[in-house]
Amino acid sequence: MPEARRMLFPVSWDELHRNTRQLAWRLLERGPFTGIVAITRGGLIPAGIIARELDIRLIETFCIASYDHARPDAAAGEAVLLKGFTAAAGGAGWLVIDELVDTGRTMQLLRRHAPEALYAAVYAKPLGRPQVDLYVTEVSQDTWIQFPWDTEIQYAKPLVER
């Protein structure tokens, strides 16, 4: 039986910026917000863009590790909390931003700390989609999104050689 291929979805800086601004546009009607919680590391850049677009100055971080970027073919591991976020009033008024909701485990963990916050991601996969209130682009669960901070310019084999 042939090995299943994992889809690769490369995202450029321009695409990430455009999609994040589209998310900010959708968030305008949901605000104003007390502040943003950026899920590190991937949510830092989208959170900065959204903070600029919505004129939000208060940014917190929720630091978590769940991926082994050296093995993108491996399933996301158990989420490990590195630094939490303490939200008054259950997070009401706060906006939680990540670049991607994959399995939803990270968002589930944060929802325990801030159940009243609004959760948004630029990209969503089917398993994680129920964990966010807003997202811009959906990709299949077997797609690996290659973000611009994880890439470099190099030769790419034609699809038939992969």
C-alpha atoms as a PDB file:
ATOM      1  CA  MET A   1       0.000   0.000   0.000  1.00  0.00           C
ATOM      2  CA  PRO A   2       1.488   3.403  -0.931  1.00  0.00           C
ATOM      3  CA  GLU A   3       2.478   5.737   1.866  1.00  0.00           C
ATOM      4  CA  ALA A   4       0.025   8.598   2.434  1.00  0.00           C
ATOM      5  CA  ARG A   5       1.352  11.945   1.275  1.00  0.00           C
ATOM      6  CA  ARG A   6       1.218  14.898   3.568  1.00  0.00           C
ATOM      7  CA  MET A   7       0.100  18.051   1.812  1.00  0.00           C
ATOM      8  CA  LEU A   8       2.474  20.986   2.049  1.00  0.00           C
ATOM      9  CA  PHE A   9       1.018  24.496   2.189  1.00  0.00           C
ATOM     10  CA  PRO A  10       3.767  27.135   2.027  1.00  0.00           C
ATOM     11  CA  VAL A  11       2.752  30.576   3.278  1.00  0.00           C
ATOM     12  CA  SER A  12       4.740  33.679   2.311  1.00  0.00           C
ATOM     13  CA  TRP A  13       5.197  36.756   4.483  1.00  0.00           C
ATOM     14  CA  ASP A  14       2.822  38.661   2.180  1.00  0.00           C
ATOM     15  CA  GLU A  15       0.130  35.984   2.438  1.00  0.00           C
ATOM     16  CA  LEU A  16       0.466  35.786   6.209  1.00  0.00           C
ATOM     17  CA  HIS A  17       0.191  39.573   6.507  1.00  0.00           C
ATOM     18  CA  ARG A  18      -2.817  39.743   4.166  1.00  0.00           C
ATOM     19  CA  ASN A  19      -4.645  36.882   5.923  1.00  0.00           C
ATOM     20  CA  THR A  20      -3.907  38.311   9.365  1.00  0.00           C
ATOM     21  CA  ARG A  21      -5.245  41.733   8.300  1.00  0.00           C
ATOM     22  CA  GLN A  22      -8.379  39.969   7.046  1.00  0.00           C
ATOM     23  CA  LEU A  23      -8.756  38.414  10.508  1.00  0.00           C
ATOM     24  CA  ALA A  24      -8.288  41.866  12.081  1.00  0.00           C
ATOM     25  CA  TRP A  25     -11.013  43.245   9.808  1.00  0.00           C
ATOM     26  CA  ARG A  26     -13.411  40.548  11.068  1.00  0.00           C
ATOM     27  CA  LEU A  27     -12.423  41.273  14.668  1.00  0.00           C
ATOM     28  CA  LEU A  28     -13.290  44.980  14.398  1.00  0.00           C
ATOM     29  CA  GLU A  29     -16.976  44.337  15.043  1.00  0.00           C
ATOM     30  CA  ARG A  30     -16.185  42.044  18.003  1.00  0.00           C
ATOM     31  CA  GLY A  31     -14.154  44.620  19.948  1.00  0.00           C
ATOM     32  CA  PRO A  32     -13.066  46.655  21.670  1.00  0.00           C
ATOM     33  CA  PHE A  33     -10.665  44.349  23.462  1.00  0.00           C
ATOM     34  CA  THR A  34      -8.849  44.786  26.780  1.00  0.00           C
ATOM     35  CA  GLY A  35      -5.743  43.208  25.273  1.00  0.00           C
ATOM     36  CA  ILE A  36      -4.330  40.365  23.241  1.00  0.00           C
ATOM     37  CA  VAL A  37      -2.929  37.043  24.398  1.00  0.00           C
ATOM     38  CA  ALA A  38      -0.415  35.803  21.819  1.00  0.00           C
ATOM     39  CA  ILE A  39       0.155  32.061  21.881  1.00  0.00           C
ATOM     40  CA  THR A  40       3.884  31.592  21.451  1.00  0.00           C
ATOM     41  CA  ARG A  41       5.687  31.275  19.294  1.00  0.00           C
ATOM     42  CA  GLY A  42       3.548  31.162  16.176  1.00  0.00           C
ATOM     43  CA  GLY A  43       0.942  33.634  17.391  1.00  0.00           C
ATOM     44  CA  LEU A  44       3.444  36.425  18.087  1.00  0.00           C
ATOM     45  CA  ILE A  45       3.592  37.842  14.565  1.00  0.00           C
ATOM     46  CA  PRO A  46      -0.170  37.692  13.882  1.00  0.00           C
ATOM     47  CA  ALA A  47      -0.795  39.214  17.332  1.00  0.00           C
ATOM     48  CA  GLY A  48       1.534  42.118  16.500  1.00  0.00           C
ATOM     49  CA  ILE A  49      -0.245  42.761  13.210  1.00  0.00           C
ATOM     50  CA  ILE A  50      -3.673  42.598  14.835  1.00  0.00           C
ATOM     51  CA  ALA A  51      -2.535  44.824  17.715  1.00  0.00           C
ATOM     52  CA  ARG A  52      -1.506  47.458  15.180  1.00  0.00           C
ATOM     53  CA  GLU A  53      -4.699  47.178  13.129  1.00  0.00           C
ATOM     54  CA  LEU A  54      -7.002  47.341  16.161  1.00  0.00           C
ATOM     55  CA  ASP A  55      -4.821  49.799  18.131  1.00  0.00           C
ATOM     56  CA  ILE A  56      -4.355  47.420  21.069  1.00  0.00           C
ATOM     57  CA  ARG A  57      -1.361  48.200  23.284  1.00  0.00           C
ATOM     58  CA  LEU A  58      -1.676  45.521  25.960  1.00  0.00           C
ATOM     59  CA  ILE A  59      -0.212  42.183  24.820  1.00  0.00           C
ATOM     60  CA  GLU A  60       0.312  39.130  27.010  1.00  0.00           C
ATOM     61  CA  THR A  61       1.783  35.765  26.085  1.00  0.00           C
ATOM     62  CA  PHE A  62       0.738  32.206  26.730  1.00  0.00           C
ATOM     63  CA  CYS A  63       3.837  30.092  26.186  1.00  0.00           C
ATOM     64  CA  ILE A  64       3.326  26.491  25.207  1.00  0.00           C
ATOM     65  CA  ALA A  65       5.287  23.769  23.413  1.00  0.00           C
ATOM     66  CA  SER A  66       3.505  21.066  21.440  1.00  0.00           C
ATOM     67  CA  TYR A  67       5.300  20.527  18.117  1.00  0.00           C
ATOM     68  CA  ASP A  68       8.551  18.893  17.155  1.00  0.00           C
ATOM     69  CA  HIS A  69       9.514  21.054  14.163  1.00  0.00           C
ATOM     70  CA  ALA A  70      12.397  18.710  13.425  1.00  0.00           C
ATOM     71  CA  ARG A  71       9.783  16.057  12.623  1.00  0.00           C
ATOM     72  CA  PRO A  72       6.867  17.756  10.795  1.00  0.00           C
ATOM     73  CA  ASP A  73       5.496  14.334   9.859  1.00  0.00           C
ATOM     74  CA  ALA A  74       4.998  13.471  13.539  1.00  0.00           C
ATOM     75  CA  ALA A  75       1.703  14.139  15.237  1.00  0.00           C
ATOM     76  CA  ALA A  76       1.574  17.090  17.586  1.00  0.00           C
ATOM     77  CA  GLY A  77       2.757  16.023  21.003  1.00  0.00           C
ATOM     78  CA  GLU A  78       1.263  16.689  24.387  1.00  0.00           C
ATOM     79  CA  ALA A  79       0.972  20.404  25.072  1.00  0.00           C
ATOM     80  CA  VAL A  80       3.439  21.569  27.723  1.00  0.00           C
ATOM     81  CA  LEU A  81       2.671  24.848  29.492  1.00  0.00           C
ATOM     82  CA  LEU A  82       5.808  27.000  29.802  1.00  0.00           C
ATOM     83  CA  LYS A  83       4.194  30.279  30.927  1.00  0.00           C
ATOM     84  CA  GLY A  84       0.557  30.850  31.710  1.00  0.00           C
ATOM     85  CA  PHE A  85      -1.720  33.839  31.491  1.00  0.00           C
ATOM     86  CA  THR A  86      -3.865  34.954  34.415  1.00  0.00           C
ATOM     87  CA  ALA A  87      -7.025  36.638  33.181  1.00  0.00           C
ATOM     88  CA  ALA A  88      -9.342  38.603  35.419  1.00  0.00           C
ATOM     89  CA  ALA A  89     -13.058  37.875  34.922  1.00  0.00           C
ATOM     90  CA  GLY A  90     -12.279  34.621  33.124  1.00  0.00           C
ATOM     91  CA  GLY A  91     -10.658  36.447  30.229  1.00  0.00           C
ATOM     92  CA  ALA A  92     -13.686  38.552  29.275  1.00  0.00           C
ATOM     93  CA  GLY A  93     -12.582  41.284  26.879  1.00  0.00           C
ATOM     94  CA  TRP A  94      -9.354  39.524  25.912  1.00  0.00           C
ATOM     95  CA  LEU A  95      -8.490  38.329  22.420  1.00  0.00           C
ATOM     96  CA  VAL A  96      -6.437  35.144  22.057  1.00  0.00           C
ATOM     97  CA  ILE A  97      -4.448  34.884  18.811  1.00  0.00           C
ATOM     98  CA  ASP A  98      -2.531  32.013  17.252  1.00  0.00           C
ATOM     99  CA  GLU A  99      -1.291  31.460  13.730  1.00  0.00           C
ATOM    100  CA  LEU A 100      -2.872  27.993  13.524  1.00  0.00           C
ATOM    101  CA  VAL A 101      -5.344  25.830  15.381  1.00  0.00           C
ATOM    102  CA  ASP A 102      -4.414  22.249  14.492  1.00  0.00           C
ATOM    103  CA  THR A 103      -5.780  19.650  16.923  1.00  0.00           C
ATOM    104  CA  GLY A 104      -7.193  22.281  19.272  1.00  0.00           C
ATOM    105  CA  ARG A 105      -5.193  21.082  22.290  1.00  0.00           C
ATOM    106  CA  THR A 106      -3.430  24.413  22.807  1.00  0.00           C
ATOM    107  CA  MET A 107      -6.689  26.366  22.672  1.00  0.00           C
ATOM    108  CA  GLN A 108      -8.358  23.852  25.022  1.00  0.00           C
ATOM    109  CA  LEU A 109      -5.564  24.364  27.528  1.00  0.00           C
ATOM    110  CA  LEU A 110      -5.871  28.152  27.365  1.00  0.00           C
ATOM    111  CA  ARG A 111      -9.684  28.012  27.546  1.00  0.00           C
ATOM    112  CA  ARG A 112      -9.291  26.474  31.014  1.00  0.00           C
ATOM    113  CA  HIS A 113      -7.452  29.665  32.052  1.00  0.00           C
ATOM    114  CA  ALA A 114      -9.576  32.184  30.139  1.00  0.00           C
ATOM    115  CA  PRO A 115     -12.931  30.675  29.129  1.00  0.00           C
ATOM    116  CA  GLU A 116     -14.551  34.046  28.369  1.00  0.00           C
ATOM    117  CA  ALA A 117     -11.895  35.301  25.924  1.00  0.00           C
ATOM    118  CA  LEU A 118     -12.453  35.446  22.174  1.00  0.00           C
ATOM    119  CA  TYR A 119     -10.297  32.873  20.347  1.00  0.00           C
ATOM    120  CA  ALA A 120      -9.021  33.471  16.811  1.00  0.00           C
ATOM    121  CA  ALA A 121      -6.482  31.908  14.466  1.00  0.00           C
ATOM    122  CA  VAL A 122      -5.320  32.810  10.993  1.00  0.00           C
ATOM    123  CA  TYR A 123      -5.406  29.166   9.838  1.00  0.00           C
ATOM    124  CA  ALA A 124      -7.561  26.276  11.059  1.00  0.00           C
ATOM    125  CA  LYS A 125      -7.674  22.525  10.579  1.00  0.00           C
ATOM    126  CA  PRO A 126     -10.905  20.532  11.018  1.00  0.00           C
ATOM    127  CA  LEU A 127     -10.007  19.017  14.421  1.00  0.00           C
ATOM    128  CA  GLY A 128      -9.127  22.411  15.890  1.00  0.00           C
ATOM    129  CA  ARG A 129     -11.798  24.536  14.224  1.00  0.00           C
ATOM    130  CA  PRO A 130     -14.382  24.075  17.048  1.00  0.00           C
ATOM    131  CA  GLN A 131     -11.882  25.603  19.506  1.00  0.00           C
ATOM    132  CA  VAL A 132     -11.794  29.025  17.804  1.00  0.00           C
ATOM    133  CA  ASP A 133     -14.460  31.671  17.388  1.00  0.00           C
ATOM    134  CA  LEU A 134     -12.906  33.070  14.199  1.00  0.00           C
ATOM    135  CA  TYR A 135     -10.377  31.985  11.577  1.00  0.00           C
ATOM    136  CA  VAL A 136      -9.554  33.012   8.006  1.00  0.00           C
ATOM    137  CA  THR A 137      -8.329  29.976   6.067  1.00  0.00           C
ATOM    138  CA  GLU A 138      -9.079  26.301   6.581  1.00  0.00           C
ATOM    139  CA  VAL A 139      -6.750  23.539   5.399  1.00  0.00           C
ATOM    140  CA  SER A 140      -7.126  19.771   5.600  1.00  0.00           C
ATOM    141  CA  GLN A 141      -5.929  17.930   8.693  1.00  0.00           C
ATOM    142  CA  ASP A 142      -3.139  16.225   6.702  1.00  0.00           C
ATOM    143  CA  THR A 143      -1.694  19.558   5.548  1.00  0.00           C
ATOM    144  CA  TRP A 144       1.558  20.874   6.981  1.00  0.00           C
ATOM    145  CA  ILE A 145       1.585  24.667   6.826  1.00  0.00           C
ATOM    146  CA  GLN A 146       5.073  25.934   6.181  1.00  0.00           C
ATOM    147  CA  PHE A 147       5.244  29.387   7.771  1.00  0.00           C
ATOM    148  CA  PRO A 148       7.751  31.928   6.480  1.00  0.00           C
ATOM    149  CA  TRP A 149       9.779  31.918   9.702  1.00  0.00           C
ATOM    150  CA  ASP A 150      10.407  28.179   9.246  1.00  0.00           C
ATOM    151  CA  THR A 151      11.636  28.311   5.660  1.00  0.00           C
ATOM    152  CA  GLU A 152      14.581  29.315   3.537  1.00  0.00           C
ATOM    153  CA  ILE A 153      15.005  29.568  -0.214  1.00  0.00           C
ATOM    154  CA  GLN A 154      16.321  26.331  -1.705  1.00  0.00           C
ATOM    155  CA  TYR A 155      15.785  23.916  -4.572  1.00  0.00           C
ATOM    156  CA  ALA A 156      12.433  22.130  -4.552  1.00  0.00           C
ATOM    157  CA  LYS A 157      11.995  18.709  -6.154  1.00  0.00           C
ATOM    158  CA  PRO A 158       9.166  18.380  -8.713  1.00  0.00           C
ATOM    159  CA  LEU A 159       6.069  16.698  -7.250  1.00  0.00           C
ATOM    160  CA  VAL A 160       6.669  13.485  -9.214  1.00  0.00           C
ATOM    161  CA  GLU A 161      10.061  13.032  -7.513  1.00  0.00           C
ATOM    162  CA  ARG A 162       8.757  13.349  -3.970  1.00  0.00           C
END
